[in-house]
PDB file of all heavy atoms in Angstrom:
ATOM      1  N   ASP A   1     -63.327-114.295  67.672  1.00  0.00           N
ATOM      2  CA  ASP A   1     -63.963-114.770  66.448  1.00  0.00           C
ATOM      3  C   ASP A   1     -63.166-114.397  65.195  1.00  0.00           C
ATOM      4  O   ASP A   1     -63.693-114.475  64.077  1.00  0.00           O
ATOM      5  CB  ASP A   1     -65.379-114.191  66.333  1.00  0.00           C
ATOM      6  CG  ASP A   1     -66.318-114.722  67.403  1.00  0.00           C
ATOM      7  OD1 ASP A   1     -66.189-115.911  67.754  1.00  0.00           O
ATOM      8  OD2 ASP A   1     -67.162-113.951  67.886  1.00  0.00           O
ATOM      9  N   ALA A   2     -61.902-114.020  65.372  1.00  0.00           N
ATOM     10  CA  ALA A   2     -61.088-113.606  64.221  1.00  0.00           C
ATOM     11  C   ALA A   2     -60.957-114.739  63.206  1.00  0.00           C
ATOM     12  O   ALA A   2     -61.060-114.510  61.996  1.00  0.00           O
ATOM     13  CB  ALA A   2     -59.706-113.150  64.685  1.00  0.00           C
ATOM     14  N   ALA A   3     -60.761-115.967  63.687  1.00  0.00           N
ATOM     15  CA  ALA A   3     -60.610-117.107  62.783  1.00  0.00           C
ATOM     16  C   ALA A   3     -61.897-117.355  62.004  1.00  0.00           C
ATOM     17  O   ALA A   3     -61.876-117.610  60.791  1.00  0.00           O
ATOM     18  CB  ALA A   3     -60.202-118.348  63.559  1.00  0.00           C
ATOM     19  N   THR A   4     -63.037-117.278  62.687  1.00  0.00           N
ATOM     20  CA  THR A   4     -64.329-117.458  62.031  1.00  0.00           C
ATOM     21  C   THR A   4     -64.553-116.383  60.974  1.00  0.00           C
ATOM     22  O   THR A   4     -65.033-116.657  59.861  1.00  0.00           O
ATOM     23  CB  THR A   4     -65.459-117.405  63.065  1.00  0.00           C
ATOM     24  OG1 THR A   4     -65.272-118.459  64.014  1.00  0.00           O
ATOM     25  CG2 THR A   4     -66.827-117.541  62.419  1.00  0.00           C
ATOM     26  N   PHE A   5     -64.212-115.160  61.314  1.00  0.00           N
ATOM     27  CA  PHE A   5     -64.371-114.036  60.387  1.00  0.00           C
ATOM     28  C   PHE A   5     -63.560-114.261  59.111  1.00  0.00           C
ATOM     29  O   PHE A   5     -64.079-114.109  57.993  1.00  0.00           O
ATOM     30  CB  PHE A   5     -63.942-112.745  61.088  1.00  0.00           C
ATOM     31  CG  PHE A   5     -64.037-111.516  60.240  1.00  0.00           C
ATOM     32  CD1 PHE A   5     -65.262-110.931  59.964  1.00  0.00           C
ATOM     33  CD2 PHE A   5     -62.897-110.927  59.707  1.00  0.00           C
ATOM     34  CE1 PHE A   5     -65.354-109.781  59.177  1.00  0.00           C
ATOM     35  CE2 PHE A   5     -62.968-109.786  58.927  1.00  0.00           C
ATOM     36  CZ  PHE A   5     -64.204-109.213  58.661  1.00  0.00           C
ATOM     37  N   LEU A   6     -62.298-114.655  59.256  1.00  0.00           N
ATOM     38  CA  LEU A   6     -61.450-114.861  58.084  1.00  0.00           C
ATOM     39  C   LEU A   6     -61.915-116.061  57.259  1.00  0.00           C
ATOM     40  O   LEU A   6     -61.803-116.048  56.027  1.00  0.00           O
ATOM     41  CB  LEU A   6     -59.993-115.029  58.505  1.00  0.00           C
ATOM     42  CG  LEU A   6     -59.332-113.779  59.097  1.00  0.00           C
ATOM     43  CD1 LEU A   6     -57.886-114.068  59.478  1.00  0.00           C
ATOM     44  CD2 LEU A   6     -59.394-112.603  58.122  1.00  0.00           C
ATOM     45  N   ASP A   7     -62.440-117.084  57.921  1.00  0.00           N
ATOM     46  CA  ASP A   7     -62.996-118.225  57.180  1.00  0.00           C
ATOM     47  C   ASP A   7     -64.140-117.784  56.268  1.00  0.00           C
ATOM     48  O   ASP A   7     -64.326-118.335  55.178  1.00  0.00           O
ATOM     49  CB  ASP A   7     -63.510-119.291  58.141  1.00  0.00           C
ATOM     50  CG  ASP A   7     -62.419-120.239  58.610  1.00  0.00           C
ATOM     51  OD1 ASP A   7     -61.300-120.169  58.073  1.00  0.00           O
ATOM     52  OD2 ASP A   7     -62.686-121.051  59.518  1.00  0.00           O
ATOM     53  N   ARG A   8     -64.898-116.802  56.702  1.00  0.00           N
ATOM     54  CA  ARG A   8     -66.022-116.328  55.902  1.00  0.00           C
ATOM     55  C   ARG A   8     -65.588-115.347  54.810  1.00  0.00           C
ATOM     56  O   ARG A   8     -66.281-115.194  53.806  1.00  0.00           O
ATOM     57  CB  ARG A   8     -67.059-115.658  56.810  1.00  0.00           C
ATOM     58  CG  ARG A   8     -67.698-116.594  57.815  1.00  0.00           C
ATOM     59  CD  ARG A   8     -68.703-115.846  58.691  1.00  0.00           C
ATOM     60  NE  ARG A   8     -69.252-116.701  59.741  1.00  0.00           N
ATOM     61  CZ  ARG A   8     -70.158-116.290  60.632  1.00  0.00           C
ATOM     62  NH1 ARG A   8     -70.607-115.025  60.584  1.00  0.00           N
ATOM     63  NH2 ARG A   8     -70.616-117.107  61.555  1.00  0.00           N
ATOM     64  N   ILE A   9     -64.460-114.684  55.016  1.00  0.00           N
ATOM     65  CA  ILE A   9     -63.970-113.692  54.061  1.00  0.00           C
ATOM     66  C   ILE A   9     -63.189-114.358  52.927  1.00  0.00           C
ATOM     67  O   ILE A   9     -63.359-114.004  51.748  1.00  0.00           O
ATOM     68  CB  ILE A   9     -63.092-112.650  54.776  1.00  0.00           C
ATOM     69  CG1 ILE A   9     -63.950-111.732  55.653  1.00  0.00           C
ATOM     70  CG2 ILE A   9     -62.269-111.845  53.769  1.00  0.00           C
ATOM     71  CD1 ILE A   9     -64.874-110.792  54.878  1.00  0.00           C
ATOM     72  N   TYR A  10     -62.321-115.312  53.266  1.00  0.00           N
ATOM     73  CA  TYR A  10     -61.470-115.960  52.272  1.00  0.00           C
ATOM     74  C   TYR A  10     -62.126-117.237  51.746  1.00  0.00           C
ATOM     75  O   TYR A  10     -62.921-117.867  52.440  1.00  0.00           O
ATOM     76  CB  TYR A  10     -60.116-116.329  52.878  1.00  0.00           C
ATOM     77  CG  TYR A  10     -59.181-115.159  53.108  1.00  0.00           C
ATOM     78  CD1 TYR A  10     -59.055-114.581  54.369  1.00  0.00           C
ATOM     79  CD2 TYR A  10     -58.388-114.665  52.075  1.00  0.00           C
ATOM     80  CE1 TYR A  10     -58.181-113.523  54.588  1.00  0.00           C
ATOM     81  CE2 TYR A  10     -57.509-113.611  52.284  1.00  0.00           C
ATOM     82  CZ  TYR A  10     -57.408-113.042  53.539  1.00  0.00           C
ATOM     83  OH  TYR A  10     -56.545-112.008  53.749  1.00  0.00           O
ATOM     84  N   ILE A  11     -61.747-117.634  50.527  1.00  0.00           N
ATOM     85  CA  ILE A  11     -62.296-118.867  49.971  1.00  0.00           C
ATOM     86  C   ILE A  11     -61.681-120.098  50.629  1.00  0.00           C
ATOM     87  O   ILE A  11     -62.280-121.184  50.603  1.00  0.00           O
ATOM     88  CB  ILE A  11     -62.100-118.937  48.442  1.00  0.00           C
ATOM     89  CG1 ILE A  11     -60.617-119.054  48.061  1.00  0.00           C
ATOM     90  CG2 ILE A  11     -62.717-117.725  47.762  1.00  0.00           C
ATOM     91  CD1 ILE A  11     -60.382-119.272  46.560  1.00  0.00           C
ATOM     92  N   ASN A  12     -60.504-119.955  51.210  1.00  0.00           N
ATOM     93  CA  ASN A  12     -59.870-121.069  51.900  1.00  0.00           C
ATOM     94  C   ASN A  12     -59.940-120.850  53.411  1.00  0.00           C
ATOM     95  O   ASN A  12     -60.320-119.781  53.883  1.00  0.00           O
ATOM     96  CB  ASN A  12     -58.429-121.284  51.424  1.00  0.00           C
ATOM     97  CG  ASN A  12     -57.618-120.011  51.320  1.00  0.00           C
ATOM     98  OD1 ASN A  12     -58.136-118.929  51.089  1.00  0.00           O
ATOM     99  ND2 ASN A  12     -56.317-120.137  51.500  1.00  0.00           N
ATOM    100  N   ARG A  13     -59.588-121.878  54.157  1.00  0.00           N
ATOM    101  CA  ARG A  13     -59.807-121.884  55.605  1.00  0.00           C
ATOM    102  C   ARG A  13     -58.584-121.355  56.349  1.00  0.00           C
ATOM    103  O   ARG A  13     -57.447-121.733  56.053  1.00  0.00           O
ATOM    104  CB  ARG A  13     -60.133-123.306  56.073  1.00  0.00           C
ATOM    105  CG  ARG A  13     -60.689-123.383  57.482  1.00  0.00           C
ATOM    106  CD  ARG A  13     -61.002-124.817  57.857  1.00  0.00           C
ATOM    107  NE  ARG A  13     -62.116-125.373  57.123  1.00  0.00           N
ATOM    108  CZ  ARG A  13     -63.400-125.188  57.435  1.00  0.00           C
ATOM    109  NH1 ARG A  13     -63.722-124.432  58.468  1.00  0.00           N
ATOM    110  NH2 ARG A  13     -64.348-125.767  56.730  1.00  0.00           N
ATOM    111  N   PHE A  14     -58.836-120.496  57.344  1.00  0.00           N
ATOM    112  CA  PHE A  14     -57.754-119.955  58.178  1.00  0.00           C
ATOM    113  C   PHE A  14     -57.895-120.312  59.656  1.00  0.00           C
ATOM    114  O   PHE A  14     -56.989-120.078  60.433  1.00  0.00           O
ATOM    115  CB  PHE A  14     -57.661-118.434  57.997  1.00  0.00           C
ATOM    116  CG  PHE A  14     -56.983-118.051  56.718  1.00  0.00           C
ATOM    117  CD1 PHE A  14     -57.721-117.884  55.554  1.00  0.00           C
ATOM    118  CD2 PHE A  14     -55.610-117.909  56.650  1.00  0.00           C
ATOM    119  CE1 PHE A  14     -57.109-117.559  54.363  1.00  0.00           C
ATOM    120  CE2 PHE A  14     -54.985-117.591  55.457  1.00  0.00           C
ATOM    121  CZ  PHE A  14     -55.729-117.421  54.304  1.00  0.00           C
ATOM    122  N   SER A  15     -59.017-120.891  60.023  1.00  0.00           N
ATOM    123  CA  SER A  15     -59.178-121.308  61.415  1.00  0.00           C
ATOM    124  C   SER A  15     -58.260-122.484  61.746  1.00  0.00           C
ATOM    125  O   SER A  15     -57.937-122.723  62.914  1.00  0.00           O
ATOM    126  CB  SER A  15     -60.638-121.691  61.687  1.00  0.00           C
ATOM    127  OG  SER A  15     -61.071-122.701  60.791  1.00  0.00           O
ATOM    128  N   THR A  16     -57.835-123.240  60.732  1.00  0.00           N
ATOM    129  CA  THR A  16     -56.941-124.385  60.951  1.00  0.00           C
ATOM    130  C   THR A  16     -55.468-123.999  60.870  1.00  0.00           C
ATOM    131  O   THR A  16     -54.598-124.849  61.068  1.00  0.00           O
ATOM    132  CB  THR A  16     -57.221-125.468  59.901  1.00  0.00           C
ATOM    133  OG1 THR A  16     -57.046-124.907  58.588  1.00  0.00           O
ATOM    134  CG2 THR A  16     -58.643-126.003  60.029  1.00  0.00           C
ATOM    135  N   LEU A  17     -55.185-122.737  60.587  1.00  0.00           N
ATOM    136  CA  LEU A  17     -53.803-122.291  60.465  1.00  0.00           C
ATOM    137  C   LEU A  17     -53.140-122.281  61.838  1.00  0.00           C
ATOM    138  O   LEU A  17     -53.623-121.632  62.768  1.00  0.00           O
ATOM    139  CB  LEU A  17     -53.766-120.888  59.857  1.00  0.00           C
ATOM    140  CG  LEU A  17     -52.394-120.268  59.589  1.00  0.00           C
ATOM    141  CD1 LEU A  17     -51.649-121.052  58.510  1.00  0.00           C
ATOM    142  CD2 LEU A  17     -52.539-118.803  59.177  1.00  0.00           C
ATOM    143  N   PRO A  18     -52.036-123.001  62.029  1.00  0.00           N
ATOM    144  CA  PRO A  18     -51.369-122.998  63.336  1.00  0.00           C
ATOM    145  C   PRO A  18     -50.781-121.622  63.673  1.00  0.00           C
ATOM    146  O   PRO A  18     -50.418-120.854  62.773  1.00  0.00           O
ATOM    147  CB  PRO A  18     -50.254-124.034  63.173  1.00  0.00           C
ATOM    148  CG  PRO A  18     -50.616-124.838  61.966  1.00  0.00           C
ATOM    149  CD  PRO A  18     -51.360-123.904  61.073  1.00  0.00           C
ATOM    150  N   VAL A  19     -50.681-121.310  64.944  1.00  0.00           N
ATOM    151  CA  VAL A  19     -49.970-120.109  65.375  1.00  0.00           C
ATOM    152  C   VAL A  19     -48.518-120.230  64.918  1.00  0.00           C
ATOM    153  O   VAL A  19     -47.889-121.280  65.031  1.00  0.00           O
ATOM    154  CB  VAL A  19     -50.048-119.942  66.903  1.00  0.00           C
ATOM    155  CG1 VAL A  19     -49.177-118.781  67.373  1.00  0.00           C
ATOM    156  CG2 VAL A  19     -51.494-119.747  67.345  1.00  0.00           C
ATOM    157  N   GLY A  20     -47.994-119.160  64.366  1.00  0.00           N
ATOM    158  CA  GLY A  20     -46.625-119.178  63.866  1.00  0.00           C
ATOM    159  C   GLY A  20     -46.501-119.583  62.412  1.00  0.00           C
ATOM    160  O   GLY A  20     -45.406-119.839  61.926  1.00  0.00           O
ATOM    161  N   LYS A  21     -47.639-119.614  61.699  1.00  0.00           N
ATOM    162  CA  LYS A  21     -47.619-119.958  60.281  1.00  0.00           C
ATOM    163  C   LYS A  21     -48.416-118.924  59.484  1.00  0.00           C
ATOM    164  O   LYS A  21     -49.311-118.258  60.011  1.00  0.00           O
ATOM    165  CB  LYS A  21     -48.210-121.348  60.038  1.00  0.00           C
ATOM    166  CG  LYS A  21     -47.422-122.473  60.693  1.00  0.00           C
ATOM    167  CD  LYS A  21     -46.079-122.723  59.994  1.00  0.00           C
ATOM    168  CE  LYS A  21     -46.273-123.440  58.675  1.00  0.00           C
ATOM    169  NZ  LYS A  21     -44.975-123.813  58.052  1.00  0.00           N
ATOM    170  N   ALA A  22     -48.102-118.818  58.205  1.00  0.00           N
ATOM    171  CA  ALA A  22     -48.817-117.943  57.279  1.00  0.00           C
ATOM    172  C   ALA A  22     -49.407-118.793  56.166  1.00  0.00           C
ATOM    173  O   ALA A  22     -48.956-119.917  55.909  1.00  0.00           O
ATOM    174  CB  ALA A  22     -47.879-116.880  56.708  1.00  0.00           C
ATOM    175  N   ARG A  23     -50.415-118.251  55.494  1.00  0.00           N
ATOM    176  CA  ARG A  23     -51.072-118.984  54.403  1.00  0.00           C
ATOM    177  C   ARG A  23     -51.538-117.989  53.353  1.00  0.00           C
ATOM    178  O   ARG A  23     -52.015-116.901  53.681  1.00  0.00           O
ATOM    179  CB  ARG A  23     -52.246-119.793  54.946  1.00  0.00           C
ATOM    180  CG  ARG A  23     -53.011-120.623  53.907  1.00  0.00           C
ATOM    181  CD  ARG A  23     -54.063-121.487  54.597  1.00  0.00           C
ATOM    182  NE  ARG A  23     -53.442-122.534  55.400  1.00  0.00           N
ATOM    183  CZ  ARG A  23     -54.088-123.255  56.323  1.00  0.00           C
ATOM    184  NH1 ARG A  23     -55.365-123.022  56.567  1.00  0.00           N
ATOM    185  NH2 ARG A  23     -53.448-124.181  57.007  1.00  0.00           N
ATOM    186  N   TYR A  24     -51.384-118.372  52.095  1.00  0.00           N
ATOM    187  CA  TYR A  24     -51.882-117.565  50.983  1.00  0.00           C
ATOM    188  C   TYR A  24     -53.396-117.698  50.913  1.00  0.00           C
ATOM    189  O   TYR A  24     -53.953-118.780  51.133  1.00  0.00           O
ATOM    190  CB  TYR A  24     -51.247-118.043  49.682  1.00  0.00           C
ATOM    191  CG  TYR A  24     -51.760-117.347  48.432  1.00  0.00           C
ATOM    192  CD1 TYR A  24     -51.346-116.059  48.110  1.00  0.00           C
ATOM    193  CD2 TYR A  24     -52.647-117.984  47.575  1.00  0.00           C
ATOM    194  CE1 TYR A  24     -51.803-115.426  46.959  1.00  0.00           C
ATOM    195  CE2 TYR A  24     -53.111-117.365  46.424  1.00  0.00           C
ATOM    196  CZ  TYR A  24     -52.682-116.084  46.121  1.00  0.00           C
ATOM    197  OH  TYR A  24     -53.150-115.462  44.993  1.00  0.00           O
ATOM    198  N   GLY A  25     -54.085-116.586  50.622  1.00  0.00           N
ATOM    199  CA  GLY A  25     -55.530-116.620  50.559  1.00  0.00           C
ATOM    200  C   GLY A  25     -56.085-115.742  49.462  1.00  0.00           C
ATOM    201  O   GLY A  25     -55.428-114.797  48.997  1.00  0.00           O
ATOM    202  N   VAL A  26     -57.317-116.050  49.047  1.00  0.00           N
ATOM    203  CA  VAL A  26     -58.023-115.282  48.021  1.00  0.00           C
ATOM    204  C   VAL A  26     -59.379-114.901  48.570  1.00  0.00           C
ATOM    205  O   VAL A  26     -60.076-115.738  49.169  1.00  0.00           O
ATOM    206  CB  VAL A  26     -58.190-116.115  46.729  1.00  0.00           C
ATOM    207  CG1 VAL A  26     -59.059-115.379  45.722  1.00  0.00           C
ATOM    208  CG2 VAL A  26     -56.835-116.445  46.129  1.00  0.00           C
ATOM    209  N   MET A  27     -59.770-113.640  48.391  1.00  0.00           N
ATOM    210  CA  MET A  27     -61.105-113.197  48.808  1.00  0.00           C
ATOM    211  C   MET A  27     -61.885-112.729  47.580  1.00  0.00           C
ATOM    212  O   MET A  27     -61.314-112.202  46.627  1.00  0.00           O
ATOM    213  CB  MET A  27     -61.027-112.099  49.872  1.00  0.00           C
ATOM    214  CG  MET A  27     -60.320-110.835  49.465  1.00  0.00           C
ATOM    215  SD  MET A  27     -60.299-109.580  50.795  1.00  0.00           S
ATOM    216  CE  MET A  27     -59.154-110.333  51.964  1.00  0.00           C
ATOM    217  N   LEU A  28     -63.199-112.964  47.609  1.00  0.00           N
ATOM    218  CA  LEU A  28     -64.073-112.621  46.497  1.00  0.00           C
ATOM    219  C   LEU A  28     -64.977-111.454  46.849  1.00  0.00           C
ATOM    220  O   LEU A  28     -65.264-111.199  48.022  1.00  0.00           O
ATOM    221  CB  LEU A  28     -64.963-113.813  46.122  1.00  0.00           C
ATOM    222  CG  LEU A  28     -64.304-115.175  45.899  1.00  0.00           C
ATOM    223  CD1 LEU A  28     -65.357-116.204  45.505  1.00  0.00           C
ATOM    224  CD2 LEU A  28     -63.203-115.098  44.860  1.00  0.00           C
ATOM    225  N   ARG A  29     -65.446-110.767  45.819  1.00  0.00           N
ATOM    226  CA  ARG A  29     -66.547-109.835  45.998  1.00  0.00           C
ATOM    227  C   ARG A  29     -67.828-110.651  46.140  1.00  0.00           C
ATOM    228  O   ARG A  29     -67.844-111.863  45.901  1.00  0.00           O
ATOM    229  CB  ARG A  29     -66.661-108.908  44.786  1.00  0.00           C
ATOM    230  CG  ARG A  29     -65.434-108.084  44.508  1.00  0.00           C
ATOM    231  CD  ARG A  29     -65.697-107.044  43.418  1.00  0.00           C
ATOM    232  NE  ARG A  29     -66.378-107.588  42.259  1.00  0.00           N
ATOM    233  CZ  ARG A  29     -65.967-107.428  41.001  1.00  0.00           C
ATOM    234  NH1 ARG A  29     -64.858-106.753  40.763  1.00  0.00           N
ATOM    235  NH2 ARG A  29     -66.650-107.935  39.988  1.00  0.00           N
ATOM    236  N   GLU A  30     -68.925-109.995  46.448  1.00  0.00           N
ATOM    237  CA  GLU A  30     -70.191-110.701  46.596  1.00  0.00           C
ATOM    238  C   GLU A  30     -70.667-111.316  45.286  1.00  0.00           C
ATOM    239  O   GLU A  30     -71.431-112.290  45.293  1.00  0.00           O
ATOM    240  CB  GLU A  30     -71.263-109.749  47.140  1.00  0.00           C
ATOM    241  CG  GLU A  30     -71.024-109.347  48.592  1.00  0.00           C
ATOM    242  CD  GLU A  30     -72.076-108.380  49.095  1.00  0.00           C
ATOM    243  OE1 GLU A  30     -71.920-107.172  48.853  1.00  0.00           O
ATOM    244  OE2 GLU A  30     -73.054-108.841  49.710  1.00  0.00           O
ATOM    245  N   ASP A  31     -70.216-110.786  44.141  1.00  0.00           N
ATOM    246  CA  ASP A  31     -70.636-111.331  42.851  1.00  0.00           C
ATOM    247  C   ASP A  31     -69.797-112.522  42.409  1.00  0.00           C
ATOM    248  O   ASP A  31     -69.987-113.047  41.306  1.00  0.00           O
ATOM    249  CB  ASP A  31     -70.634-110.250  41.772  1.00  0.00           C
ATOM    250  CG  ASP A  31     -69.251-109.637  41.535  1.00  0.00           C
ATOM    251  OD1 ASP A  31     -68.268-110.087  42.159  1.00  0.00           O
ATOM    252  OD2 ASP A  31     -69.150-108.694  40.724  1.00  0.00           O
ATOM    253  N   GLY A  32     -68.854-112.959  43.234  1.00  0.00           N
ATOM    254  CA  GLY A  32     -68.069-114.143  42.942  1.00  0.00           C
ATOM    255  C   GLY A  32     -66.741-113.895  42.268  1.00  0.00           C
ATOM    256  O   GLY A  32     -65.937-114.826  42.117  1.00  0.00           O
ATOM    257  N   PHE A  33     -66.481-112.662  41.859  1.00  0.00           N
ATOM    258  CA  PHE A  33     -65.204-112.350  41.223  1.00  0.00           C
ATOM    259  C   PHE A  33     -64.152-112.034  42.276  1.00  0.00           C
ATOM    260  O   PHE A  33     -64.472-111.577  43.374  1.00  0.00           O
ATOM    261  CB  PHE A  33     -65.367-111.175  40.257  1.00  0.00           C
ATOM    262  CG  PHE A  33     -66.152-111.516  39.023  1.00  0.00           C
ATOM    263  CD1 PHE A  33     -67.526-111.404  38.994  1.00  0.00           C
ATOM    264  CD2 PHE A  33     -65.500-111.966  37.880  1.00  0.00           C
ATOM    265  CE1 PHE A  33     -68.260-111.718  37.851  1.00  0.00           C
ATOM    266  CE2 PHE A  33     -66.214-112.286  36.729  1.00  0.00           C
ATOM    267  CZ  PHE A  33     -67.596-112.167  36.718  1.00  0.00           C
ATOM    268  N   VAL A  34     -62.890-112.272  41.922  1.00  0.00           N
ATOM    269  CA  VAL A  34     -61.798-112.067  42.870  1.00  0.00           C
ATOM    270  C   VAL A  34     -61.673-110.591  43.215  1.00  0.00           C
ATOM    271  O   VAL A  34     -61.611-109.731  42.326  1.00  0.00           O
ATOM    272  CB  VAL A  34     -60.472-112.599  42.297  1.00  0.00           C
ATOM    273  CG1 VAL A  34     -59.311-112.251  43.239  1.00  0.00           C
ATOM    274  CG2 VAL A  34     -60.534-114.103  42.092  1.00  0.00           C
ATOM    275  N   LEU A  35     -61.627-110.298  44.499  1.00  0.00           N
ATOM    276  CA  LEU A  35     -61.374-108.939  44.982  1.00  0.00           C
ATOM    277  C   LEU A  35     -59.886-108.714  45.170  1.00  0.00           C
ATOM    278  O   LEU A  35     -59.327-107.726  44.711  1.00  0.00           O
ATOM    279  CB  LEU A  35     -62.119-108.692  46.295  1.00  0.00           C
ATOM    280  CG  LEU A  35     -61.769-107.406  47.048  1.00  0.00           C
ATOM    281  CD1 LEU A  35     -62.147-106.187  46.213  1.00  0.00           C
ATOM    282  CD2 LEU A  35     -62.472-107.361  48.408  1.00  0.00           C
ATOM    283  N   ASP A  36     -59.224-109.639  45.859  1.00  0.00           N
ATOM    284  CA  ASP A  36     -57.812-109.444  46.182  1.00  0.00           C
ATOM    285  C   ASP A  36     -57.209-110.762  46.635  1.00  0.00           C
ATOM    286  O   ASP A  36     -57.924-111.727  46.947  1.00  0.00           O
ATOM    287  CB  ASP A  36     -57.656-108.389  47.285  1.00  0.00           C
ATOM    288  CG  ASP A  36     -56.264-107.761  47.305  1.00  0.00           C
ATOM    289  OD1 ASP A  36     -55.804-107.323  46.237  1.00  0.00           O
ATOM    290  OD2 ASP A  36     -55.646-107.725  48.376  1.00  0.00           O
ATOM    291  N   ASP A  37     -55.892-110.790  46.680  1.00  0.00           N
ATOM    292  CA  ASP A  37     -55.185-111.937  47.243  1.00  0.00           C
ATOM    293  C   ASP A  37     -54.113-111.431  48.191  1.00  0.00           C
ATOM    294  O   ASP A  37     -53.849-110.228  48.266  1.00  0.00           O
ATOM    295  CB  ASP A  37     -54.579-112.819  46.147  1.00  0.00           C
ATOM    296  CG  ASP A  37     -53.375-112.162  45.461  1.00  0.00           C
ATOM    297  OD1 ASP A  37     -53.247-110.917  45.522  1.00  0.00           O
ATOM    298  OD2 ASP A  37     -52.568-112.890  44.865  1.00  0.00           O
TER     299      ASP A  37
END
């Protein structure tokens, strides 16, 4: 369930990321503000 977990953590989708690829992502705090990238 790693892909599902990351889909819920990041604002963008990682379950569609092919094996052997990387993607930039942004995660928010619960209040909607950016936590980290």
